[in-house]
């Protein structure tokens, strides 16, 4: 590995080190590569990675953006913890702007059980847990016209004949699966992107999809707030 490549890898690791314990290794690899690619494409931006988003911070943001609306949470330490974390760009004023929120779900063991001669199990509840986070992240980004959320789901529960797919479609506000929805549609449908299939998603695939969403998100913030608002040259 060249000295330049080594430095780039270290730079990604500095941002991503907080997800070293994430079980989904391939998603971790994909996000590290996304960080490197973004820093190469946008050398003046500052990236921040967070493992969780505390509800207290979401509610504080919503109260500022929508002062006429009541918002509530109960516990200081409650948070949303997407599997792949929250990647943001930093404004010159210290604010952070999410460009990629990533989830990875695997659901279904009946294919393995069938090979072992075992009976089918009830389908899991990974999707129900996913729905809670999606509601929270959608609310947190209501003041923006993008929703840079992507979930990669794989496993036999996501076969074409599975009713679980309709649960996913419902969370996706009845949008198509395996389709990028970054920008709001008609100012109402901030769907997010949901990639679901039986076959396991590879690091290369998640990198390509995640990088496309993150890159377009950076350009969205440049367009809305001005590129100069994100030129962290110090």
Protein backbone atom coordinates (compact mmCIF):
# COMPACT_ATOMS: atom_id res chain seq x y z
CA UNK A 1 0.00 0.00 0.00
CA UNK A 2 1.39 3.43 -0.97
CA UNK A 3 1.96 6.13 1.62
CA UNK A 4 -0.92 8.12 0.10
CA UNK A 5 -3.28 5.15 0.31
CA UNK A 6 -2.16 4.46 3.86
CA UNK A 7 -2.91 8.03 4.89
CA UNK A 8 -6.32 7.89 3.25
CA UNK A 9 -7.11 4.67 5.11
CA UNK A 10 -6.03 6.27 8.40
CA UNK A 11 -8.22 9.27 7.67
CA UNK A 12 -11.25 7.05 7.13
CA UNK A 13 -10.45 5.08 10.26
CA UNK A 14 -10.35 8.24 12.35
CA UNK A 15 -13.93 9.00 11.35
CA UNK A 16 -15.22 5.44 11.40
CA UNK A 17 -13.41 3.99 14.43
CA UNK A 18 -16.56 4.28 16.54
CA UNK A 19 -18.22 1.51 14.53
CA UNK A 20 -15.44 -1.04 15.02
CA UNK A 21 -17.85 -3.26 16.94
CA UNK A 22 -20.61 -3.25 14.33
CA UNK A 23 -21.42 -6.87 13.52
CA UNK A 24 -22.03 -6.25 9.83
CA UNK A 25 -18.43 -6.27 8.63
CA UNK A 26 -19.22 -5.69 4.96
CA UNK A 27 -21.31 -2.61 5.76
CA UNK A 28 -18.43 -1.30 7.86
CA UNK A 29 -16.07 -1.79 4.92
CA UNK A 30 -18.48 -0.04 2.56
CA UNK A 31 -18.78 3.01 4.81
CA UNK A 32 -15.01 3.28 5.22
CA UNK A 33 -14.68 3.31 1.43
CA UNK A 34 -17.45 5.92 1.14
CA UNK A 35 -15.60 8.21 3.54
CA UNK A 36 -12.39 7.93 1.51
CA UNK A 37 -14.22 8.55 -1.77
CA UNK A 38 -16.05 11.60 -0.40
CA UNK A 39 -12.87 13.14 0.97
CA UNK A 40 -11.23 12.67 -2.43
CA UNK A 41 -14.21 14.21 -4.23
CA UNK A 42 -14.79 17.02 -1.73
CA UNK A 43 -11.37 17.66 -0.11
CA UNK A 44 -12.47 20.76 1.79
CA UNK A 45 -15.42 19.22 3.64
CA UNK A 46 -15.31 17.90 7.17
CA UNK A 47 -17.10 14.62 7.77
CA UNK A 48 -18.51 13.42 11.05
CA UNK A 49 -19.64 9.91 11.88
CA UNK A 50 -22.01 9.19 14.77
CA UNK A 51 -23.05 5.79 16.00
CA UNK A 52 -26.35 7.06 17.39
CA UNK A 53 -28.67 10.04 17.38
CA UNK A 54 -30.05 10.92 20.79
CA UNK A 55 -33.78 11.67 20.95
CA UNK A 56 -33.02 14.74 23.07
CA UNK A 57 -30.98 16.16 20.18
CA UNK A 58 -33.65 15.31 17.62
CA UNK A 59 -36.33 17.00 19.73
CA UNK A 60 -34.11 20.03 20.30
CA UNK A 61 -33.65 20.35 16.54
CA UNK A 62 -37.36 19.92 15.83
CA UNK A 63 -38.29 22.56 18.42
CA UNK A 64 -36.00 25.03 16.68
CA UNK A 65 -37.28 24.23 13.20
CA UNK A 66 -40.97 23.96 14.15
CA UNK A 67 -41.49 26.20 17.22
CA UNK A 68 -45.29 26.05 16.86
CA UNK A 69 -45.39 22.27 17.33
CA UNK A 70 -45.14 20.28 20.57
CA UNK A 71 -42.44 17.58 20.78
CA UNK A 72 -41.73 15.08 23.54
CA UNK A 73 -39.23 12.49 24.75
CA UNK A 74 -38.79 10.83 28.15
CA UNK A 75 -35.25 9.66 28.78
CA UNK A 76 -31.97 11.52 28.24
CA UNK A 77 -30.14 8.45 27.01
CA UNK A 78 -32.73 7.18 24.53
CA UNK A 79 -31.38 7.14 21.00
CA UNK A 80 -31.73 5.75 17.50
CA UNK A 81 -28.83 3.48 16.50
CA UNK A 82 -28.77 2.61 12.81
CA UNK A 83 -26.56 -0.37 11.99
CA UNK A 84 -24.29 1.69 9.73
CA UNK A 85 -24.44 4.91 11.73
CA UNK A 86 -25.01 8.47 10.58
CA UNK A 87 -22.51 10.16 8.27
CA UNK A 88 -22.76 13.96 8.08
CA UNK A 89 -20.94 16.95 6.71
CA UNK A 90 -20.09 19.79 9.06
CA UNK A 91 -20.99 23.40 8.37
CA UNK A 92 -18.60 26.22 9.18
CA UNK A 93 -20.89 27.12 12.09
CA UNK A 94 -20.53 23.68 13.69
CA UNK A 95 -23.90 22.30 12.58
CA UNK A 96 -24.02 18.81 11.09
CA UNK A 97 -26.01 17.80 8.03
CA UNK A 98 -26.72 14.07 7.49
CA UNK A 99 -25.70 12.76 4.08
CA UNK A 100 -26.06 9.01 4.69
CA UNK A 101 -27.95 7.01 7.31
CA UNK A 102 -27.53 3.28 6.83
CA UNK A 103 -29.29 0.19 8.13
CA UNK A 104 -28.51 -3.46 7.38
CA UNK A 105 -31.05 -6.19 8.13
CA UNK A 106 -30.91 -9.93 7.65
CA UNK A 107 -34.07 -11.89 8.26
CA UNK A 108 -35.04 -15.48 7.67
CA UNK A 109 -33.61 -18.88 8.54
CA UNK A 110 -36.24 -21.14 7.01
CA UNK A 111 -34.04 -21.91 4.01
CA UNK A 112 -31.36 -23.26 6.34
CA UNK A 113 -33.94 -25.07 8.47
CA UNK A 114 -35.36 -26.75 5.37
CA UNK A 115 -31.93 -28.07 4.43
CA UNK A 116 -31.64 -29.44 7.97
CA UNK A 117 -35.05 -31.10 7.70
CA UNK A 118 -36.56 -28.81 10.32
CA UNK A 119 -40.00 -27.18 10.28
CA UNK A 120 -40.49 -23.52 9.45
CA UNK A 121 -40.17 -20.83 12.09
CA UNK A 122 -42.32 -17.73 12.36
CA UNK A 123 -40.82 -14.86 10.41
CA UNK A 124 -38.74 -12.45 12.49
CA UNK A 125 -39.42 -8.91 13.62
CA UNK A 126 -36.35 -7.16 12.27
CA UNK A 127 -38.59 -5.10 10.00
CA UNK A 128 -40.78 -3.91 12.86
CA UNK A 129 -37.66 -2.69 14.69
CA UNK A 130 -36.55 -0.96 11.50
CA UNK A 131 -39.85 0.92 11.24
CA UNK A 132 -39.27 2.70 14.57
CA UNK A 133 -35.96 4.14 13.44
CA UNK A 134 -37.32 5.20 10.07
CA UNK A 135 -40.12 7.19 11.74
CA UNK A 136 -37.59 8.94 13.97
CA UNK A 137 -35.13 9.79 11.21
CA UNK A 138 -37.90 11.01 8.91
CA UNK A 139 -39.10 13.38 11.62
CA UNK A 140 -35.57 14.60 12.30
CA UNK A 141 -35.13 15.57 8.64
CA UNK A 142 -38.56 17.07 7.94
CA UNK A 143 -36.99 20.51 7.53
CA UNK A 144 -34.90 19.26 4.59
CA UNK A 145 -36.06 18.19 1.13
CA UNK A 146 -33.99 14.99 1.14
CA UNK A 147 -34.04 11.83 3.21
CA UNK A 148 -30.57 10.20 2.83
CA UNK A 149 -31.63 6.93 4.43
CA UNK A 150 -30.87 3.53 2.96
CA UNK A 151 -31.57 0.06 4.29
CA UNK A 152 -30.06 -3.12 2.86
CA UNK A 153 -32.06 -6.22 3.66
CA UNK A 154 -31.29 -9.80 2.74
CA UNK A 155 -32.45 -13.27 3.69
CA UNK A 156 -35.08 -15.79 2.68
CA UNK A 157 -37.84 -13.74 4.34
CA UNK A 158 -37.43 -11.28 1.47
CA UNK A 159 -38.19 -13.66 -1.36
CA UNK A 160 -40.69 -12.48 -3.97
CA UNK A 161 -43.48 -14.61 -2.50
CA UNK A 162 -43.00 -13.30 1.07
CA UNK A 163 -45.61 -11.07 2.71
CA UNK A 164 -42.75 -9.42 4.61
CA UNK A 165 -42.03 -7.37 1.48
CA UNK A 166 -45.31 -5.53 1.96
CA UNK A 167 -44.23 -4.58 5.47
CA UNK A 168 -41.10 -3.05 3.96
CA UNK A 169 -43.09 -1.29 1.24
CA UNK A 170 -45.35 0.20 3.90
CA UNK A 171 -42.34 1.59 5.79
CA UNK A 172 -41.14 2.96 2.44
CA UNK A 173 -44.38 4.94 2.08
CA UNK A 174 -45.42 2.51 -0.67
CA UNK A 175 -42.41 3.27 -2.82
CA UNK A 176 -40.63 0.74 -4.99
CA UNK A 177 -38.01 -1.48 -3.43
CA UNK A 178 -34.49 -1.58 -4.88
CA UNK A 179 -34.90 2.01 -6.04
CA UNK A 180 -33.21 5.20 -4.86
CA UNK A 181 -35.54 7.77 -3.29
CA UNK A 182 -33.39 10.62 -1.97
CA UNK A 183 -35.36 13.76 -2.78
CA UNK A 184 -38.85 14.35 -1.42
CA UNK A 185 -41.66 13.79 -3.89
CA UNK A 186 -44.30 16.53 -4.04
CA UNK A 187 -43.00 17.83 -0.73
CA UNK A 188 -44.78 15.02 1.07
CA UNK A 189 -43.13 11.65 0.42
CA UNK A 190 -39.69 11.47 2.04
CA UNK A 191 -39.43 7.77 1.41
CA UNK A 192 -35.79 6.77 1.72
CA UNK A 193 -34.23 3.90 -0.21
CA UNK A 194 -34.90 0.24 0.60
CA UNK A 195 -32.84 -2.47 -1.10
CA UNK A 196 -34.18 -5.93 -0.27
CA UNK A 197 -33.56 -9.38 -1.74
CA UNK A 198 -32.71 -12.94 -0.77
CA UNK A 199 -29.01 -12.78 -1.77
CA UNK A 200 -26.58 -11.11 0.60
CA UNK A 201 -25.55 -7.56 -0.26
CA UNK A 202 -21.82 -7.23 -0.87
CA UNK A 203 -19.56 -4.42 0.34
CA UNK A 204 -19.06 -3.32 -3.29
CA UNK A 205 -22.79 -3.00 -3.89
CA UNK A 206 -23.45 -1.14 -0.65
CA UNK A 207 -20.51 1.15 -1.38
CA UNK A 208 -21.83 2.10 -4.82
CA UNK A 209 -25.38 2.74 -3.62
CA UNK A 210 -24.31 4.55 -0.44
CA UNK A 211 -21.76 6.74 -2.22
CA UNK A 212 -24.34 7.83 -4.80
CA UNK A 213 -26.76 8.90 -2.05
CA UNK A 214 -24.07 10.64 0.01
CA UNK A 215 -22.65 12.51 -3.00
CA UNK A 216 -26.06 13.79 -4.09
CA UNK A 217 -26.78 14.81 -0.50
CA UNK A 218 -23.62 16.95 -0.39
CA UNK A 219 -24.68 18.70 -3.59
CA UNK A 220 -28.16 19.25 -2.13
CA UNK A 221 -26.71 21.05 0.90
CA UNK A 222 -24.37 23.03 -1.36
CA UNK A 223 -27.38 24.16 -3.39
CA UNK A 224 -29.51 25.05 -0.37
CA UNK A 225 -26.96 26.65 1.95
CA UNK A 226 -24.11 27.57 -0.39
CA UNK A 227 -20.91 25.62 -0.97
CA UNK A 228 -18.96 28.22 1.01
CA UNK A 229 -20.88 27.20 4.14
CA UNK A 230 -19.00 23.88 4.18
CA UNK A 231 -15.45 24.90 3.31
CA UNK A 232 -13.62 23.73 6.41
CA UNK A 233 -10.08 24.54 5.31
CA UNK A 234 -8.46 24.82 8.74
